[in-house]
């Protein structure tokens, strides 16, 4: 009777290989690192794959470099997990040292009791005194050693806790960021737009708002995969940042939808900004993402509205969205501002 073939679950074997690689490289087994190294082990071709391979092959500070390039720019809850893990490790070390300190003190007390009993019950001579002194010196040295170690560890822990406090503050701020692109997220956009609208109501300051949508993004995702889609979103985000001022707020509000709050900006200037964004995205070099023969190929439609007396956040966003839909209807890859179509002029 022939041998029964054994089915091999390739995904499981690759998962085991990834865990081994994480351990050998001393990389924390958090989801982001696992995904990166799983793609490396499975030889998945992705925009990040070649760089991950370089880092792993080099073998130097693999975890720190992966974190710096693939986690830090898009920090999220995994950063919090790493921070908590570091605190836990530090507390574990302190726990061990405190235990050693307690044990050394207990041993020292026992030694002192033994010496006291000996002094009372035994006739003293020079040899016995030297032995007792030697035992006390040994016990004192052990106590002093554990005390020194504990003091050093407490000093280090105090420094790390200060650093952790700063990191947690950064995480609090990071909770307002989109982890994929590093732009503001929807919550941050809503908060800032509400503040800007209220300011315009109070002092009449100019304010414009643009809604952006990548054209045919679903087709790009279907044709090239989600990893390429994510890289396209990052490229669009970089173009958006490069085309706006520091005072402007740029956000990814979901999927392939972006937005820009333009304080102190009238509609004509906002239109120039929107055109600059549109051209920057259209001119992006995507050869590294979509292949050597591709230059450009990604476009964006933009709708822009400006604050009117009596506007709410909802009404301002709605007019920009209606302009965006009109830009899509007219063929995409264009900017439409309120007032450029009759239906919006009378809204």
Protein backbone atom coordinates (compact mmCIF):
# COMPACT_ATOMS: atom_id res chain seq x y z
CA UNK A 1 0.00 0.00 0.00
CA UNK A 2 1.49 3.29 -1.06
CA UNK A 3 2.22 6.11 1.33
CA UNK A 4 -0.61 8.55 1.86
CA UNK A 5 0.45 12.02 0.66
CA UNK A 6 0.54 14.64 3.39
CA UNK A 7 -1.20 17.91 2.58
CA UNK A 8 0.93 20.93 3.42
CA UNK A 9 -0.73 24.19 4.33
CA UNK A 10 1.60 26.67 2.67
CA UNK A 11 0.13 29.60 4.59
CA UNK A 12 0.83 27.84 7.89
CA UNK A 13 4.42 26.97 6.93
CA UNK A 14 5.03 30.54 5.80
CA UNK A 15 3.51 31.81 9.05
CA UNK A 16 5.92 29.62 11.03
CA UNK A 17 8.80 30.95 8.91
CA UNK A 18 7.70 34.53 9.65
CA UNK A 19 7.60 33.88 13.39
CA UNK A 20 11.08 32.40 13.21
CA UNK A 21 12.33 35.40 11.27
CA UNK A 22 10.77 37.77 13.80
CA UNK A 23 12.53 35.93 16.61
CA UNK A 24 15.91 35.76 14.88
CA UNK A 25 15.78 39.44 13.93
CA UNK A 26 14.57 40.42 17.41
CA UNK A 27 11.56 42.17 15.91
CA UNK A 28 8.43 42.58 18.09
CA UNK A 29 5.61 40.35 16.71
CA UNK A 30 3.14 43.20 16.19
CA UNK A 31 0.74 42.98 13.21
CA UNK A 32 2.50 45.54 11.00
CA UNK A 33 5.88 43.77 11.24
CA UNK A 34 4.21 40.38 10.76
CA UNK A 35 2.47 41.57 7.55
CA UNK A 36 5.68 43.06 6.15
CA UNK A 37 7.72 39.93 6.83
CA UNK A 38 4.93 37.61 5.67
CA UNK A 39 4.98 39.36 2.28
CA UNK A 40 8.78 39.03 2.28
CA UNK A 41 8.66 35.30 3.05
CA UNK A 42 5.85 34.73 0.53
CA UNK A 43 7.75 36.75 -2.09
CA UNK A 44 4.79 39.06 -2.63
CA UNK A 45 5.74 41.83 -5.02
CA UNK A 46 4.76 45.17 -3.53
CA UNK A 47 6.10 48.72 -3.55
CA UNK A 48 7.61 48.12 -0.11
CA UNK A 49 8.85 44.58 -0.79
CA UNK A 50 12.28 45.43 -2.18
CA UNK A 51 13.07 47.75 0.73
CA UNK A 52 11.93 45.19 3.31
CA UNK A 53 14.17 42.59 1.62
CA UNK A 54 17.16 44.96 1.83
CA UNK A 55 16.60 45.60 5.54
CA UNK A 56 16.12 41.92 6.39
CA UNK A 57 19.12 40.82 4.33
CA UNK A 58 21.33 43.46 5.94
CA UNK A 59 20.27 42.14 9.34
CA UNK A 60 21.20 45.26 11.31
CA UNK A 61 18.59 46.83 13.59
CA UNK A 62 15.83 45.23 11.54
CA UNK A 63 13.02 46.11 13.95
CA UNK A 64 14.09 49.73 14.39
CA UNK A 65 14.45 50.29 10.64
CA UNK A 66 11.15 48.62 9.77
CA UNK A 67 9.48 50.75 12.43
CA UNK A 68 11.13 53.94 11.18
CA UNK A 69 10.13 53.41 7.54
CA UNK A 70 6.83 51.54 7.70
CA UNK A 71 5.23 52.31 11.07
CA UNK A 72 6.35 55.71 12.36
CA UNK A 73 5.02 57.72 9.35
CA UNK A 74 1.56 56.23 9.89
CA UNK A 75 1.52 55.68 13.65
CA UNK A 76 -1.57 54.10 15.14
CA UNK A 77 -2.52 51.86 18.05
CA UNK A 78 0.43 49.54 17.36
CA UNK A 79 2.72 52.33 18.52
CA UNK A 80 0.79 52.37 21.77
CA UNK A 81 1.22 48.59 22.01
CA UNK A 82 4.98 48.97 21.60
CA UNK A 83 5.09 51.68 24.25
CA UNK A 84 3.07 49.59 26.68
CA UNK A 85 5.29 46.56 25.95
CA UNK A 86 8.38 48.62 26.80
CA UNK A 87 6.84 49.82 30.07
CA UNK A 88 5.85 46.25 30.93
CA UNK A 89 9.38 45.01 30.28
CA UNK A 90 10.82 47.76 32.46
CA UNK A 91 8.39 46.98 35.29
CA UNK A 92 9.28 43.28 35.02
CA UNK A 93 12.97 44.13 35.41
CA UNK A 94 12.19 46.29 38.42
CA UNK A 95 10.11 43.50 39.93
CA UNK A 96 13.04 41.08 39.64
CA UNK A 97 15.45 43.55 41.20
CA UNK A 98 13.07 44.38 44.04
CA UNK A 99 12.71 40.65 44.69
CA UNK A 100 16.47 40.27 44.77
CA UNK A 101 16.73 43.26 47.09
CA UNK A 102 14.16 41.76 49.47
CA UNK A 103 15.92 38.38 49.42
CA UNK A 104 19.30 40.00 50.08
CA UNK A 105 17.83 41.93 53.00
CA UNK A 106 16.27 38.74 54.38
CA UNK A 107 19.62 36.94 54.08
CA UNK A 108 21.37 39.87 55.74
CA UNK A 109 18.90 39.80 58.64
CA UNK A 110 19.42 36.06 59.05
CA UNK A 111 23.19 36.57 59.05
CA UNK A 112 22.91 39.25 61.73
CA UNK A 113 20.69 37.02 63.86
CA UNK A 114 23.15 34.17 63.49
CA UNK A 115 26.07 36.37 64.46
CA UNK A 116 24.20 37.72 67.47
CA UNK A 117 23.39 34.20 68.64
CA UNK A 118 27.00 33.14 68.17
CA UNK A 119 28.26 36.12 70.14
CA UNK A 120 25.99 35.25 73.04
CA UNK A 121 26.46 31.48 73.08
CA UNK A 122 30.08 31.07 72.09
CA UNK A 123 33.37 31.87 73.66
CA UNK A 124 35.02 34.41 71.41
CA UNK A 125 38.45 34.02 69.84
CA UNK A 126 40.25 35.73 66.96
CA UNK A 127 39.43 33.03 64.39
CA UNK A 128 35.74 33.08 65.18
CA UNK A 129 35.63 36.89 65.00
CA UNK A 130 37.32 36.87 61.61
CA UNK A 131 34.78 34.33 60.34
CA UNK A 132 31.87 36.40 61.65
CA UNK A 133 33.26 39.58 60.14
CA UNK A 134 33.74 37.83 56.80
CA UNK A 135 30.14 36.61 56.76
CA UNK A 136 28.86 40.09 57.58
CA UNK A 137 30.99 41.68 54.87
CA UNK A 138 29.67 39.21 52.32
CA UNK A 139 26.05 39.88 53.31
CA UNK A 140 26.65 43.65 53.28
CA UNK A 141 28.25 43.46 49.84
CA UNK A 142 25.25 41.57 48.45
CA UNK A 143 22.82 44.11 49.90
CA UNK A 144 24.91 47.00 48.54
CA UNK A 145 25.04 45.39 45.09
CA UNK A 146 21.28 44.89 44.82
CA UNK A 147 20.72 48.40 46.18
CA UNK A 148 23.00 49.86 43.49
CA UNK A 149 21.30 47.86 40.74
CA UNK A 150 17.87 48.91 41.93
CA UNK A 151 18.90 52.56 42.10
CA UNK A 152 20.30 52.46 38.54
CA UNK A 153 17.18 50.72 37.26
CA UNK A 154 14.91 53.25 38.94
CA UNK A 155 16.88 56.11 37.38
CA UNK A 156 16.60 54.49 33.94
CA UNK A 157 12.91 53.83 34.48
CA UNK A 158 12.33 57.50 35.40
CA UNK A 159 13.99 58.59 32.14
CA UNK A 160 11.95 56.11 30.10
CA UNK A 161 8.70 57.11 31.78
CA UNK A 162 9.37 60.75 30.85
CA UNK A 163 9.97 59.62 27.28
CA UNK A 164 6.82 57.49 27.37
CA UNK A 165 4.81 60.44 28.62
CA UNK A 166 5.97 62.39 25.55
CA UNK A 167 5.18 59.47 23.26
CA UNK A 168 1.68 59.13 24.69
CA UNK A 169 1.11 62.82 24.06
CA UNK A 170 2.22 62.29 20.47
CA UNK A 171 -0.17 59.34 20.24
CA UNK A 172 -2.99 61.53 21.47
CA UNK A 173 -2.21 63.93 18.64
CA UNK A 174 -1.70 60.98 16.29
CA UNK A 175 -5.29 59.92 16.99
CA UNK A 176 -6.28 62.79 14.71
CA UNK A 177 -4.24 61.40 11.80
CA UNK A 178 -5.09 58.94 9.05
CA UNK A 179 -2.65 56.04 9.60
CA UNK A 180 -2.20 55.29 5.89
CA UNK A 181 -1.39 58.76 4.55
CA UNK A 182 -0.42 60.78 7.61
CA UNK A 183 -3.01 63.44 6.73
CA UNK A 184 -5.68 64.55 9.19
CA UNK A 185 -8.54 62.07 9.58
CA UNK A 186 -12.29 62.72 9.35
CA UNK A 187 -12.59 63.54 13.05
CA UNK A 188 -9.84 66.14 12.87
CA UNK A 189 -11.33 67.63 9.70
CA UNK A 190 -14.78 67.99 11.26
CA UNK A 191 -13.32 69.60 14.37
CA UNK A 192 -11.14 72.07 12.46
CA UNK A 193 -13.85 72.97 9.92
CA UNK A 194 -16.34 73.65 12.74
CA UNK A 195 -13.79 75.95 14.35
CA UNK A 196 -13.05 77.72 11.04
CA UNK A 197 -16.75 78.20 10.22
CA UNK A 198 -17.39 79.67 13.68
CA UNK A 199 -14.43 82.04 13.21
CA UNK A 200 -15.81 83.19 9.84
CA UNK A 201 -19.22 83.78 11.41
CA UNK A 202 -17.67 85.91 14.16
CA UNK A 203 -15.28 88.10 12.17
CA UNK A 204 -16.22 87.55 8.52
CA UNK A 205 -12.88 85.88 7.72
CA UNK A 206 -12.70 84.30 4.29
CA UNK A 207 -12.81 80.50 4.19
CA UNK A 208 -12.93 77.98 1.36
CA UNK A 209 -13.30 74.22 1.35
CA UNK A 210 -12.42 71.65 -1.35
CA UNK A 211 -13.64 68.07 -1.68
CA UNK A 212 -11.44 65.71 -3.73
CA UNK A 213 -12.00 62.24 -5.11
CA UNK A 214 -9.53 60.05 -7.04
CA UNK A 215 -11.01 59.15 -10.42
CA UNK A 216 -11.77 55.47 -11.12
CA UNK A 217 -10.01 54.38 -7.96
CA UNK A 218 -12.00 51.15 -7.68
CA UNK A 219 -10.74 50.08 -11.10
CA UNK A 220 -7.15 50.80 -10.06
CA UNK A 221 -7.65 48.69 -6.94
CA UNK A 222 -9.24 45.86 -8.94
CA UNK A 223 -6.53 45.89 -11.61
CA UNK A 224 -3.44 46.34 -9.46
CA UNK A 225 -4.43 45.23 -5.96
CA UNK A 226 -4.93 46.95 -2.63
CA UNK A 227 -1.23 47.42 -1.89
CA UNK A 228 -0.80 49.44 -5.07
CA UNK A 229 -4.04 51.24 -4.25
CA UNK A 230 -2.64 52.21 -0.86
CA UNK A 231 0.53 53.52 -2.48
CA UNK A 232 -1.56 55.62 -4.89
CA UNK A 233 -3.40 57.11 -1.90
CA UNK A 234 -0.05 58.01 -0.33
CA UNK A 235 1.15 59.62 -3.55
CA UNK A 236 -2.06 61.65 -3.78
CA UNK A 237 -1.63 62.71 -0.15
CA UNK A 238 1.93 63.89 -0.79
CA UNK A 239 0.80 65.88 -3.83
CA UNK A 240 -2.01 67.40 -1.77
CA UNK A 241 0.39 68.45 0.98
CA UNK A 242 2.91 69.86 -1.50
CA UNK A 243 0.23 71.95 -3.20
CA UNK A 244 -1.23 73.62 -0.12
CA UNK A 245 0.03 76.04 2.52
CA UNK A 246 1.09 75.19 6.04
CA UNK A 247 -1.97 77.08 7.30
CA UNK A 248 -4.31 74.83 5.29
CA UNK A 249 -5.57 71.54 6.68
CA UNK A 250 -5.53 68.53 4.36
CA UNK A 251 -7.38 65.34 5.26
CA UNK A 252 -8.28 61.89 4.05
CA UNK A 253 -11.92 61.50 5.01
CA UNK A 254 -12.38 57.91 3.86
CA UNK A 255 -11.53 55.57 0.99
CA UNK A 256 -10.27 57.63 -1.92
CA UNK A 257 -11.88 60.84 -0.65
CA UNK A 258 -9.78 63.78 0.48
CA UNK A 259 -10.51 67.34 1.56
CA UNK A 260 -8.75 70.65 2.16
CA UNK A 261 -9.73 73.50 4.47
CA UNK A 262 -8.36 76.79 3.13
CA UNK A 263 -8.64 79.55 5.76
CA UNK A 264 -8.28 83.17 4.67
CA UNK A 265 -8.88 82.13 1.05
CA UNK A 266 -11.44 83.50 -1.38
CA UNK A 267 -13.02 81.38 -4.12
CA UNK A 268 -10.71 82.54 -6.92
CA UNK A 269 -7.59 81.71 -4.91
CA UNK A 270 -9.13 78.43 -3.80
CA UNK A 271 -9.68 77.53 -7.45
CA UNK A 272 -6.00 78.15 -8.22
CA UNK A 273 -5.05 75.93 -5.29
CA UNK A 274 -7.41 73.19 -6.47
CA UNK A 275 -5.93 73.33 -9.97
CA UNK A 276 -2.45 73.08 -8.51
CA UNK A 277 -3.50 69.97 -6.59
CA UNK A 278 -5.14 68.44 -9.67
CA UNK A 279 -2.05 68.95 -11.82
CA UNK A 280 0.30 67.67 -9.13
CA UNK A 281 -1.62 64.40 -8.84
CA UNK A 282 -2.01 64.01 -12.59
CA UNK A 283 1.72 64.59 -13.11
CA UNK A 284 2.81 62.15 -10.40
CA UNK A 285 5.35 59.61 -11.60
CA UNK A 286 3.73 56.23 -10.92
CA UNK A 287 6.26 54.03 -12.67
CA UNK A 288 7.47 52.65 -9.35
CA UNK A 289 3.93 51.62 -8.49
CA UNK A 290 2.20 50.68 -11.75
CA UNK A 291 5.17 49.63 -13.87
CA UNK A 292 7.95 51.09 -16.01
CA UNK A 293 5.72 52.05 -18.90
CA UNK A 294 3.35 54.13 -16.80
CA UNK A 295 3.73 57.85 -16.25
CA UNK A 296 0.79 59.56 -14.64
CA UNK A 297 -2.46 57.72 -15.11
CA UNK A 298 -4.11 58.88 -11.88
CA UNK A 299 -6.39 61.91 -11.87
CA UNK A 300 -8.62 63.63 -9.35
CA UNK A 301 -11.89 65.55 -9.49
CA UNK A 302 -12.31 68.52 -7.14
CA UNK A 303 -15.27 70.57 -5.98
CA UNK A 304 -14.72 73.88 -4.19
CA UNK A 305 -17.04 76.13 -2.20
CA UNK A 306 -16.53 79.26 -0.11
CA UNK A 307 -18.11 80.40 3.15
CA UNK A 308 -21.33 82.40 2.99
CA UNK A 309 -22.97 84.27 5.90
CA UNK A 310 -25.24 81.83 7.71
CA UNK A 311 -23.30 78.76 6.55
CA UNK A 312 -22.99 75.70 8.73
CA UNK A 313 -20.35 73.02 8.38
CA UNK A 314 -22.92 70.81 6.67
CA UNK A 315 -24.05 73.45 4.15
CA UNK A 316 -20.49 74.39 3.18
CA UNK A 317 -19.49 70.74 2.72
CA UNK A 318 -22.68 70.00 0.78
CA UNK A 319 -22.00 72.72 -1.80
CA UNK A 320 -18.42 71.49 -2.27
CA UNK A 321 -19.70 67.93 -2.68
CA UNK A 322 -22.23 69.04 -5.30
CA UNK A 323 -19.41 70.74 -7.21
CA UNK A 324 -17.39 67.52 -6.96
CA UNK A 325 -20.27 65.47 -8.36
CA UNK A 326 -20.58 67.94 -11.23
CA UNK A 327 -16.85 67.59 -11.95
CA UNK A 328 -17.36 63.82 -12.14
CA UNK A 329 -20.41 64.25 -14.38
CA UNK A 330 -18.50 66.49 -16.78
CA UNK A 331 -15.82 63.87 -17.36
CA UNK A 332 -13.56 63.86 -14.28
CA UNK A 333 -10.02 65.28 -13.94
CA UNK A 334 -11.30 68.81 -13.45
CA UNK A 335 -12.10 71.48 -10.87
CA UNK A 336 -15.61 72.86 -10.46
CA UNK A 337 -16.32 75.79 -8.13
CA UNK A 338 -19.68 76.99 -6.91
CA UNK A 339 -21.01 79.67 -9.24
CA UNK A 340 -19.66 77.85 -12.33
CA UNK A 341 -22.92 75.98 -12.81
CA UNK A 342 -26.34 77.60 -12.59
CA UNK A 343 -27.87 75.11 -10.21
CA UNK A 344 -25.31 76.03 -7.58
CA UNK A 345 -25.52 79.76 -8.05
CA UNK A 346 -29.10 79.79 -6.73
CA UNK A 347 -28.55 77.26 -3.93
